[in-house]
């Protein structure tokens, strides 16, 4: 697991890798505040409503299963 997390961080844009921890925290806060991401009750970060709406057509084109009640993409 450690190698995969290191590999994932090396795939981040170099400008983001150079961010300080406080810059990363502020960026995360801003993305949550603006609705691109959301913070769950248990402290995880998830897709926000703005991202969900922006990806709506991609979900449909890529056969992401729909909710039987609302007919929107069934994401968790």
Protein backbone atom coordinates (compact mmCIF):
# COMPACT_ATOMS: atom_id res chain seq x y z
CA UNK A 1 0.00 0.00 0.00
CA UNK A 2 2.86 2.32 0.75
CA UNK A 3 4.29 2.05 -2.76
CA UNK A 4 0.93 2.79 -4.36
CA UNK A 5 0.49 5.93 -2.25
CA UNK A 6 3.98 7.05 -3.23
CA UNK A 7 3.21 6.34 -6.88
CA UNK A 8 -0.01 8.33 -6.59
CA UNK A 9 1.79 11.34 -5.17
CA UNK A 10 4.36 11.27 -7.98
CA UNK A 11 1.49 11.54 -10.48
CA UNK A 12 0.29 14.80 -8.93
CA UNK A 13 1.21 17.95 -10.87
CA UNK A 14 4.59 19.29 -9.78
CA UNK A 15 3.02 22.58 -8.68
CA UNK A 16 0.79 20.68 -6.22
CA UNK A 17 3.69 18.59 -4.90
CA UNK A 18 5.43 21.86 -4.02
CA UNK A 19 2.45 23.10 -1.94
CA UNK A 20 3.07 23.37 1.77
CA UNK A 21 0.76 21.43 4.07
CA UNK A 22 -1.12 24.63 4.93
CA UNK A 23 -1.60 25.42 1.21
CA UNK A 24 -2.97 21.90 0.62
CA UNK A 25 -5.32 22.25 3.60
CA UNK A 26 -6.55 25.65 2.36
CA UNK A 27 -7.11 24.28 -1.16
CA UNK A 28 -9.07 21.35 0.24
CA UNK A 29 -11.11 23.72 2.43
CA UNK A 30 -11.82 25.98 -0.58
CA UNK A 31 -12.95 23.03 -2.74
CA UNK A 32 -15.29 21.88 0.03
CA UNK A 33 -16.58 25.41 0.65
CA UNK A 34 -17.28 25.90 -3.06
CA UNK A 35 -19.10 22.57 -3.39
CA UNK A 36 -16.60 20.73 -5.62
CA UNK A 37 -15.85 18.33 -2.76
CA UNK A 38 -17.72 17.46 0.42
CA UNK A 39 -16.67 16.38 3.88
CA UNK A 40 -18.44 13.35 5.33
CA UNK A 41 -19.44 12.84 8.96
CA UNK A 42 -16.52 10.44 9.49
CA UNK A 43 -13.96 12.91 8.12
CA UNK A 44 -13.58 11.52 4.61
CA UNK A 45 -13.70 13.71 1.53
CA UNK A 46 -16.15 12.92 -1.25
CA UNK A 47 -17.44 14.30 -4.52
CA UNK A 48 -19.39 17.54 -4.08
CA UNK A 49 -22.62 18.52 -5.77
CA UNK A 50 -20.86 20.79 -8.28
CA UNK A 51 -18.55 17.96 -9.36
CA UNK A 52 -21.49 15.55 -9.52
CA UNK A 53 -23.46 17.92 -11.75
CA UNK A 54 -20.41 18.62 -13.91
CA UNK A 55 -19.87 14.86 -14.39
CA UNK A 56 -23.56 14.03 -14.96
CA UNK A 57 -23.26 13.45 -18.73
CA UNK A 58 -20.04 11.45 -18.24
CA UNK A 59 -21.85 9.15 -15.78
CA UNK A 60 -24.60 8.54 -18.35
CA UNK A 61 -22.21 8.00 -21.28
CA UNK A 62 -20.15 5.51 -19.27
CA UNK A 63 -23.08 3.39 -18.11
CA UNK A 64 -22.78 4.24 -14.42
CA UNK A 65 -25.84 2.54 -12.84
CA UNK A 66 -28.73 4.88 -12.03
CA UNK A 67 -30.72 5.14 -8.83
CA UNK A 68 -34.15 3.52 -9.22
CA UNK A 69 -35.80 6.40 -7.36
CA UNK A 70 -34.24 9.57 -8.80
CA UNK A 71 -32.67 8.21 -12.01
CA UNK A 72 -29.35 9.94 -11.24
CA UNK A 73 -25.98 8.17 -11.19
CA UNK A 74 -25.67 5.85 -8.23
CA UNK A 75 -22.46 7.07 -6.62
CA UNK A 76 -21.51 6.38 -3.03
